[in-house]
């Protein structure tokens, strides 16, 4: 009886902790990006020319996931546009998110 009581006193908190952790993990959004690419529309760029920067993620992620404010020290950054798309081929779905921003 004592062993059973000790086992139960240990098992119940472990089960409750497991349930709390599981519910927390399931409620958190998961954004797994396996590939992130960036490209510019021209290279080299002359002083005073605008440059179009395109950043592509191979999954659907929130539009605010990238902070372009870090570029403000070196460029005049226009408001980015975001395009999210889903493509289904033979039942296999693929998602992408593309940010496009013009920099001066």
C-alpha atoms as a PDB file:
ATOM      1  CA  UNK A   1       0.000   0.000   0.000  1.00  0.00           C
ATOM      2  CA  UNK A   2       2.847   2.408   0.835  1.00  0.00           C
ATOM      3  CA  UNK A   3       4.639   1.606  -2.443  1.00  0.00           C
ATOM      4  CA  UNK A   4       1.412   2.112  -4.373  1.00  0.00           C
ATOM      5  CA  UNK A   5       0.851   5.438  -2.604  1.00  0.00           C
ATOM      6  CA  UNK A   6       4.430   6.563  -3.350  1.00  0.00           C
ATOM      7  CA  UNK A   7       4.109   5.497  -6.974  1.00  0.00           C
ATOM      8  CA  UNK A   8       0.817   7.354  -7.350  1.00  0.00           C
ATOM      9  CA  UNK A   9       2.211  10.483  -5.660  1.00  0.00           C
ATOM     10  CA  UNK A  10       5.040  10.498  -8.221  1.00  0.00           C
ATOM     11  CA  UNK A  11       2.974   9.451 -11.263  1.00  0.00           C
ATOM     12  CA  UNK A  12       0.167  11.991 -10.935  1.00  0.00           C
ATOM     13  CA  UNK A  13       2.427  15.083 -11.027  1.00  0.00           C
ATOM     14  CA  UNK A  14       4.387  13.554 -13.918  1.00  0.00           C
ATOM     15  CA  UNK A  15       1.189  12.942 -15.886  1.00  0.00           C
ATOM     16  CA  UNK A  16      -0.106  16.443 -15.145  1.00  0.00           C
ATOM     17  CA  UNK A  17       3.230  17.980 -16.126  1.00  0.00           C
ATOM     18  CA  UNK A  18       3.232  15.965 -19.349  1.00  0.00           C
ATOM     19  CA  UNK A  19      -0.293  17.127 -20.183  1.00  0.00           C
ATOM     20  CA  UNK A  20       0.606  20.768 -19.525  1.00  0.00           C
ATOM     21  CA  UNK A  21       3.731  20.519 -21.688  1.00  0.00           C
ATOM     22  CA  UNK A  22       1.846  18.746 -24.465  1.00  0.00           C
ATOM     23  CA  UNK A  23      -0.965  21.305 -24.501  1.00  0.00           C
ATOM     24  CA  UNK A  24       1.590  24.130 -24.514  1.00  0.00           C
ATOM     25  CA  UNK A  25       3.458  22.616 -27.439  1.00  0.00           C
ATOM     26  CA  UNK A  26       0.258  22.035 -29.378  1.00  0.00           C
ATOM     27  CA  UNK A  27      -0.969  25.580 -28.806  1.00  0.00           C
ATOM     28  CA  UNK A  28       2.293  27.198 -29.935  1.00  0.00           C
ATOM     29  CA  UNK A  29       2.566  28.014 -33.619  1.00  0.00           C
ATOM     30  CA  UNK A  30       5.327  26.116 -35.341  1.00  0.00           C
ATOM     31  CA  UNK A  31       7.050  27.775 -38.255  1.00  0.00           C
ATOM     32  CA  UNK A  32       9.546  25.439 -39.791  1.00  0.00           C
ATOM     33  CA  UNK A  33      11.377  27.026 -42.670  1.00  0.00           C
ATOM     34  CA  UNK A  34      13.810  24.641 -44.281  1.00  0.00           C
ATOM     35  CA  UNK A  35      15.002  27.122 -46.901  1.00  0.00           C
ATOM     36  CA  UNK A  36      15.206  30.897 -46.923  1.00  0.00           C
ATOM     37  CA  UNK A  37      16.628  32.639 -49.984  1.00  0.00           C
ATOM     38  CA  UNK A  38      17.319  36.280 -50.772  1.00  0.00           C
ATOM     39  CA  UNK A  39      18.104  37.891 -54.103  1.00  0.00           C
ATOM     40  CA  UNK A  40      18.410  41.363 -55.564  1.00  0.00           C
ATOM     41  CA  UNK A  41      17.292  42.439 -59.023  1.00  0.00           C
ATOM     42  CA  UNK A  42      20.642  43.924 -60.071  1.00  0.00           C
ATOM     43  CA  UNK A  43      24.305  43.612 -59.252  1.00  0.00           C
ATOM     44  CA  UNK A  44      26.258  45.889 -59.199  1.00  0.00           C
ATOM     45  CA  UNK A  45      24.147  48.844 -58.114  1.00  0.00           C
ATOM     46  CA  UNK A  46      25.130  52.430 -58.807  1.00  0.00           C
ATOM     47  CA  UNK A  47      24.831  55.118 -56.142  1.00  0.00           C
ATOM     48  CA  UNK A  48      21.298  56.533 -56.149  1.00  0.00           C
ATOM     49  CA  UNK A  49      19.730  53.519 -57.893  1.00  0.00           C
ATOM     50  CA  UNK A  50      16.939  51.536 -56.309  1.00  0.00           C
ATOM     51  CA  UNK A  51      17.363  47.848 -55.546  1.00  0.00           C
ATOM     52  CA  UNK A  52      14.575  45.307 -55.301  1.00  0.00           C
ATOM     53  CA  UNK A  53      15.188  42.741 -52.540  1.00  0.00           C
ATOM     54  CA  UNK A  54      13.181  39.522 -52.613  1.00  0.00           C
ATOM     55  CA  UNK A  55      13.223  37.110 -49.659  1.00  0.00           C
ATOM     56  CA  UNK A  56      11.539  33.724 -50.105  1.00  0.00           C
ATOM     57  CA  UNK A  57      10.622  31.175 -47.429  1.00  0.00           C
ATOM     58  CA  UNK A  58       9.596  27.681 -48.485  1.00  0.00           C
ATOM     59  CA  UNK A  59       6.633  27.620 -46.101  1.00  0.00           C
ATOM     60  CA  UNK A  60       3.732  29.765 -44.995  1.00  0.00           C
ATOM     61  CA  UNK A  61       4.900  32.078 -42.215  1.00  0.00           C
ATOM     62  CA  UNK A  62       3.418  35.288 -40.790  1.00  0.00           C
ATOM     63  CA  UNK A  63       3.999  38.395 -42.876  1.00  0.00           C
ATOM     64  CA  UNK A  64       5.678  40.111 -39.926  1.00  0.00           C
ATOM     65  CA  UNK A  65       8.304  37.375 -39.482  1.00  0.00           C
ATOM     66  CA  UNK A  66      11.041  39.442 -41.117  1.00  0.00           C
ATOM     67  CA  UNK A  67      12.074  42.782 -39.672  1.00  0.00           C
ATOM     68  CA  UNK A  68      13.411  44.948 -42.488  1.00  0.00           C
ATOM     69  CA  UNK A  69      14.144  47.817 -40.054  1.00  0.00           C
ATOM     70  CA  UNK A  70      17.714  46.540 -39.699  1.00  0.00           C
ATOM     71  CA  UNK A  71      18.341  47.882 -43.220  1.00  0.00           C
ATOM     72  CA  UNK A  72      17.366  51.453 -42.250  1.00  0.00           C
ATOM     73  CA  UNK A  73      20.938  52.368 -41.266  1.00  0.00           C
ATOM     74  CA  UNK A  74      22.217  51.856 -44.823  1.00  0.00           C
ATOM     75  CA  UNK A  75      19.160  52.261 -47.078  1.00  0.00           C
ATOM     76  CA  UNK A  76      15.882  54.061 -47.433  1.00  0.00           C
ATOM     77  CA  UNK A  77      13.535  51.091 -47.190  1.00  0.00           C
ATOM     78  CA  UNK A  78      10.051  51.235 -48.686  1.00  0.00           C
ATOM     79  CA  UNK A  79       7.165  49.236 -47.225  1.00  0.00           C
ATOM     80  CA  UNK A  80       7.530  45.538 -48.053  1.00  0.00           C
ATOM     81  CA  UNK A  81       4.858  43.609 -49.902  1.00  0.00           C
ATOM     82  CA  UNK A  82       4.120  39.995 -48.990  1.00  0.00           C
ATOM     83  CA  UNK A  83       2.796  37.209 -51.188  1.00  0.00           C
ATOM     84  CA  UNK A  84       1.792  33.843 -49.745  1.00  0.00           C
ATOM     85  CA  UNK A  85       0.950  30.964 -52.043  1.00  0.00           C
ATOM     86  CA  UNK A  86      -0.012  27.317 -51.892  1.00  0.00           C
ATOM     87  CA  UNK A  87       0.592  24.894 -54.737  1.00  0.00           C
ATOM     88  CA  UNK A  88      -0.927  21.415 -54.883  1.00  0.00           C
ATOM     89  CA  UNK A  89       0.489  18.909 -57.369  1.00  0.00           C
ATOM     90  CA  UNK A  90      -0.767  15.328 -57.296  1.00  0.00           C
ATOM     91  CA  UNK A  91      -2.021  15.803 -53.748  1.00  0.00           C
ATOM     92  CA  UNK A  92       1.291  17.166 -52.417  1.00  0.00           C
ATOM     93  CA  UNK A  93       0.948  20.709 -51.087  1.00  0.00           C
ATOM     94  CA  UNK A  94       3.809  23.178 -50.941  1.00  0.00           C
ATOM     95  CA  UNK A  95       3.661  26.646 -49.451  1.00  0.00           C
ATOM     96  CA  UNK A  96       5.798  29.727 -49.923  1.00  0.00           C
ATOM     97  CA  UNK A  97       5.994  33.250 -48.565  1.00  0.00           C
ATOM     98  CA  UNK A  98       7.725  35.975 -50.578  1.00  0.00           C
ATOM     99  CA  UNK A  99       8.618  39.415 -49.232  1.00  0.00           C
ATOM    100  CA  UNK A 100       9.537  42.106 -51.773  1.00  0.00           C
ATOM    101  CA  UNK A 101      11.012  45.409 -50.666  1.00  0.00           C
ATOM    102  CA  UNK A 102      12.466  48.334 -52.597  1.00  0.00           C
ATOM    103  CA  UNK A 103      15.567  49.972 -51.161  1.00  0.00           C
ATOM    104  CA  UNK A 104      17.137  53.280 -52.195  1.00  0.00           C
END
